[in-house]
């Protein structure tokens, strides 16, 4: 199975940890977080009779809009599609009017005017040909989220030790390879967006400060919801990274 972590928070709230705004931003920080979160992921997977083979993060989330987001005023009241609950809560804090919806509904909603913006990766922006609807990708890079590839735990345990060792060796190789694929994908897709006329922007220092100010209270809110293990993981991660 191929599972997006942050869409499983209804079953296991801890799986939303990577999409907590600005907790782990970008590949290096996600890798640092995995040092502490991966054992918990393994435990959660086992609770659902799954064995994780490997995990790969998506490129970071940007906000696609008609106009450049220079300040939070530019987000005020905008109907923006978000991926998960953390995104919904964060965009509400930023003053937008977010709507959580699956990917299959996004392009029709843009075409009908039901939404005015989208939070998603560079990859999905190209897949949806967002330049046909909007002019800007505002690269907030406020969250990433990993997919995990799993196998049924009973089936895994039925294999011989030699078989499991061989599969785990290949899985480790694939994980490293696919992290590079994801990094390169982001670079290539950003170029494709720009080549099709979309302006790719970064937040100013002033806007970034505002974005962080609205994000950090959500860290404690996530801990309160996800429990002691989340508190332990985030404390260890913050100590390692100095965040």
Protein backbone atom coordinates (compact mmCIF):
# COMPACT_ATOMS: atom_id res chain seq x y z
CA UNK A 1 0.00 0.00 0.00
CA UNK A 2 1.06 3.60 -0.69
CA UNK A 3 -0.27 5.89 2.04
CA UNK A 4 -0.07 9.68 2.52
CA UNK A 5 0.59 10.18 6.23
CA UNK A 6 -1.28 13.40 6.87
CA UNK A 7 -4.53 12.02 5.48
CA UNK A 8 -4.63 9.33 8.18
CA UNK A 9 -4.91 11.63 11.20
CA UNK A 10 -8.45 10.48 11.93
CA UNK A 11 -7.03 7.06 12.78
CA UNK A 12 -3.71 8.16 14.30
CA UNK A 13 -3.27 11.90 15.04
CA UNK A 14 0.52 11.53 15.31
CA UNK A 15 0.71 10.92 11.55
CA UNK A 16 -0.01 14.61 10.99
CA UNK A 17 3.29 15.67 12.53
CA UNK A 18 5.00 16.45 9.22
CA UNK A 19 2.28 18.85 8.16
CA UNK A 20 2.38 20.95 11.33
CA UNK A 21 3.18 24.38 9.83
CA UNK A 22 6.89 25.22 9.75
CA UNK A 23 7.80 22.48 12.24
CA UNK A 24 9.79 20.68 9.56
CA UNK A 25 10.24 22.74 6.42
CA UNK A 26 12.16 21.22 3.52
CA UNK A 27 14.00 17.98 2.95
CA UNK A 28 16.79 18.43 5.50
CA UNK A 29 14.38 19.17 8.32
CA UNK A 30 12.05 16.32 7.33
CA UNK A 31 15.03 13.94 7.41
CA UNK A 32 15.97 15.23 10.87
CA UNK A 33 12.39 14.75 12.06
CA UNK A 34 12.32 11.18 10.72
CA UNK A 35 15.21 10.32 13.04
CA UNK A 36 12.75 10.65 15.93
CA UNK A 37 9.35 10.09 14.29
CA UNK A 38 10.13 6.95 12.30
CA UNK A 39 10.05 4.58 15.32
CA UNK A 40 6.59 5.91 16.19
CA UNK A 41 5.45 5.49 12.59
CA UNK A 42 6.61 1.88 12.78
CA UNK A 43 4.61 1.31 15.95
CA UNK A 44 1.48 2.86 14.46
CA UNK A 45 1.84 0.80 11.28
CA UNK A 46 2.13 -2.37 13.37
CA UNK A 47 -1.06 -1.44 15.23
CA UNK A 48 -2.80 -1.57 11.84
CA UNK A 49 -1.04 -4.81 10.86
CA UNK A 50 1.34 -3.07 8.47
CA UNK A 51 5.12 -3.06 8.01
CA UNK A 52 6.70 0.12 6.57
CA UNK A 53 9.14 -0.59 3.76
CA UNK A 54 10.16 2.96 2.90
CA UNK A 55 9.04 6.59 3.13
CA UNK A 56 9.43 9.50 0.70
CA UNK A 57 8.42 13.17 1.23
CA UNK A 58 6.58 15.31 -1.27
CA UNK A 59 8.03 18.69 -2.24
CA UNK A 60 7.00 21.48 0.12
CA UNK A 61 3.59 23.15 0.02
CA UNK A 62 3.10 26.41 -1.82
CA UNK A 63 0.02 28.60 -2.20
CA UNK A 64 -1.24 29.14 -5.76
CA UNK A 65 -3.25 32.33 -6.23
CA UNK A 66 -4.30 34.93 -8.81
CA UNK A 67 -2.11 37.58 -7.21
CA UNK A 68 1.17 37.59 -5.33
CA UNK A 69 0.80 37.28 -1.57
CA UNK A 70 2.80 40.21 -0.22
CA UNK A 71 1.13 40.39 3.19
CA UNK A 72 -1.52 38.47 5.11
CA UNK A 73 -4.07 41.00 3.86
CA UNK A 74 -3.74 39.36 0.43
CA UNK A 75 -5.06 36.10 1.88
CA UNK A 76 -8.01 37.67 3.68
CA UNK A 77 -11.23 35.83 2.83
CA UNK A 78 -9.78 33.91 -0.12
CA UNK A 79 -11.34 30.51 -0.72
CA UNK A 80 -8.31 28.22 -0.80
CA UNK A 81 -8.20 24.46 -1.13
CA UNK A 82 -6.14 22.69 1.51
CA UNK A 83 -4.98 19.08 1.87
CA UNK A 84 -5.51 18.26 5.54
CA UNK A 85 -6.70 19.46 8.94
CA UNK A 86 -3.40 21.18 9.75
CA UNK A 87 -3.67 23.11 6.51
CA UNK A 88 -7.26 24.01 7.27
CA UNK A 89 -6.39 25.32 10.73
CA UNK A 90 -3.35 27.22 9.47
CA UNK A 91 -5.10 28.95 6.59
CA UNK A 92 -7.87 29.95 8.98
CA UNK A 93 -5.26 31.51 11.25
CA UNK A 94 -3.85 33.40 8.24
CA UNK A 95 -7.27 34.88 7.50
CA UNK A 96 -8.17 32.82 4.44
CA UNK A 97 -11.39 30.82 3.94
CA UNK A 98 -9.96 27.33 3.39
CA UNK A 99 -11.80 24.30 2.05
CA UNK A 100 -10.46 20.79 2.46
CA UNK A 101 -11.07 18.77 -0.69
CA UNK A 102 -9.56 15.77 -2.50
CA UNK A 103 -7.34 16.33 -5.51
CA UNK A 104 -9.94 15.09 -7.98
CA UNK A 105 -12.21 18.05 -7.18
CA UNK A 106 -9.55 20.77 -7.39
CA UNK A 107 -9.41 21.57 -11.10
CA UNK A 108 -13.24 21.58 -11.54
CA UNK A 109 -13.48 23.88 -8.49
CA UNK A 110 -10.92 26.25 -10.01
CA UNK A 111 -12.70 26.21 -13.36
CA UNK A 112 -16.06 27.00 -11.77
CA UNK A 113 -14.68 29.70 -9.48
CA UNK A 114 -15.65 27.76 -6.35
CA UNK A 115 -12.10 28.27 -5.04
CA UNK A 116 -9.61 31.07 -5.64
CA UNK A 117 -6.41 29.31 -4.67
CA UNK A 118 -4.79 25.99 -3.87
CA UNK A 119 -2.19 24.78 -1.39
CA UNK A 120 -0.14 21.99 -2.90
CA UNK A 121 3.28 21.06 -4.25
CA UNK A 122 5.03 22.11 -7.45
CA UNK A 123 4.35 18.62 -8.83
CA UNK A 124 0.59 18.91 -8.43
CA UNK A 125 0.63 22.45 -9.81
CA UNK A 126 2.06 21.11 -13.05
CA UNK A 127 -0.29 18.12 -13.06
CA UNK A 128 -3.25 20.49 -12.76
CA UNK A 129 -1.88 23.02 -15.29
CA UNK A 130 -2.55 25.73 -12.75
CA UNK A 131 -1.20 28.42 -15.08
CA UNK A 132 -4.54 28.13 -16.87
CA UNK A 133 -6.27 29.46 -13.74
CA UNK A 134 -3.76 31.41 -11.65
CA UNK A 135 -0.63 33.49 -12.05
CA UNK A 136 1.41 32.93 -8.90
CA UNK A 137 3.00 30.19 -6.85
CA UNK A 138 3.84 31.70 -3.48
CA UNK A 139 6.53 29.36 -2.13
CA UNK A 140 5.71 29.40 1.56
CA UNK A 141 7.13 25.86 1.94
CA UNK A 142 5.31 25.63 5.25
CA UNK A 143 4.87 21.87 5.33
CA UNK A 144 5.88 18.68 3.65
CA UNK A 145 4.31 15.29 4.02
CA UNK A 146 5.63 11.82 3.35
CA UNK A 147 4.09 8.82 1.71
CA UNK A 148 4.85 5.45 3.24
CA UNK A 149 4.90 2.21 1.31
CA UNK A 150 3.75 -0.69 3.47
CA UNK A 151 3.09 -4.40 3.31
CA UNK A 152 0.70 -6.54 5.36
CA UNK A 153 2.49 -7.51 8.57
CA UNK A 154 1.19 -11.08 8.58
CA UNK A 155 2.50 -11.58 5.06
CA UNK A 156 5.82 -10.01 6.09
CA UNK A 157 6.18 -12.29 9.10
CA UNK A 158 5.46 -15.31 6.92
CA UNK A 159 8.61 -14.64 4.88
CA UNK A 160 11.95 -16.17 5.74
CA UNK A 161 14.66 -14.10 7.42
CA UNK A 162 16.63 -14.15 4.19
CA UNK A 163 13.66 -12.87 2.20
CA UNK A 164 12.95 -10.08 4.69
CA UNK A 165 16.61 -9.03 4.70
CA UNK A 166 16.69 -8.91 0.89
CA UNK A 167 13.49 -6.84 0.71
CA UNK A 168 14.67 -4.42 3.40
CA UNK A 169 17.96 -3.92 1.56
CA UNK A 170 16.11 -3.01 -1.64
CA UNK A 171 13.67 -0.79 0.31
CA UNK A 172 16.55 1.19 1.83
CA UNK A 173 18.06 1.67 -1.61
CA UNK A 174 14.72 2.77 -3.05
CA UNK A 175 14.11 5.22 -0.21
CA UNK A 176 17.41 7.02 -0.83
CA UNK A 177 16.81 7.02 -4.60
CA UNK A 178 13.25 8.35 -4.32
CA UNK A 179 14.29 11.17 -1.96
CA UNK A 180 16.59 12.33 -4.75
CA UNK A 181 13.76 11.90 -7.25
CA UNK A 182 11.52 14.11 -5.09
CA UNK A 183 14.18 16.83 -4.79
CA UNK A 184 14.81 16.81 -8.53
CA UNK A 185 11.08 16.74 -9.24
CA UNK A 186 10.61 19.95 -7.28
CA UNK A 187 13.36 21.73 -9.25
CA UNK A 188 12.01 20.52 -12.59
CA UNK A 189 8.39 21.33 -11.84
CA UNK A 190 9.20 24.83 -10.61
CA UNK A 191 10.91 25.43 -13.96
CA UNK A 192 7.89 24.07 -15.83
CA UNK A 193 5.58 26.41 -13.92
CA UNK A 194 7.81 29.38 -14.73
CA UNK A 195 8.13 28.33 -18.38
CA UNK A 196 4.34 28.43 -18.62
CA UNK A 197 4.16 31.98 -17.32
CA UNK A 198 3.58 31.42 -13.65
CA UNK A 199 5.55 33.71 -11.32
CA UNK A 200 7.25 31.81 -8.51
CA UNK A 201 7.84 33.99 -5.45
CA UNK A 202 9.34 33.66 -1.98
CA UNK A 203 7.88 35.42 1.08
CA UNK A 204 9.65 38.56 2.21
CA UNK A 205 11.37 38.48 5.62
CA UNK A 206 8.43 40.47 7.03
CA UNK A 207 5.83 38.08 5.64
CA UNK A 208 7.81 35.04 6.74
CA UNK A 209 7.90 36.43 10.27
CA UNK A 210 4.11 36.74 10.17
CA UNK A 211 3.73 33.22 8.81
CA UNK A 212 5.92 31.80 11.58
CA UNK A 213 4.10 33.78 14.25
CA UNK A 214 0.81 32.14 13.24
CA UNK A 215 2.41 28.69 12.85
CA UNK A 216 4.25 28.16 16.13
CA UNK A 217 1.15 28.15 18.41
CA UNK A 218 -0.04 25.18 16.37
CA UNK A 219 2.94 23.12 17.54
CA UNK A 220 1.64 23.01 21.11
CA UNK A 221 -1.91 22.46 19.84
CA UNK A 222 -0.71 19.43 17.90
CA UNK A 223 1.07 18.03 20.95
CA UNK A 224 -2.11 18.44 22.99
CA UNK A 225 -4.04 16.45 20.39
CA UNK A 226 -1.43 13.80 19.49
CA UNK A 227 -0.19 13.06 23.01
CA UNK A 228 3.00 12.31 24.89
CA UNK A 229 4.84 10.60 22.05
CA UNK A 230 4.39 13.70 19.90
CA UNK A 231 5.75 15.84 22.75
CA UNK A 232 8.80 13.59 23.09
CA UNK A 233 9.51 13.51 19.36
CA UNK A 234 9.11 17.25 18.86
CA UNK A 235 11.25 18.07 21.90
CA UNK A 236 14.07 15.80 20.66
CA UNK A 237 13.78 17.15 17.12
CA UNK A 238 13.84 20.78 18.28
CA UNK A 239 16.88 20.13 20.47
CA UNK A 240 18.72 18.57 17.53
CA UNK A 241 17.79 21.31 15.04
CA UNK A 242 17.68 24.32 17.38
CA UNK A 243 14.17 25.26 16.21
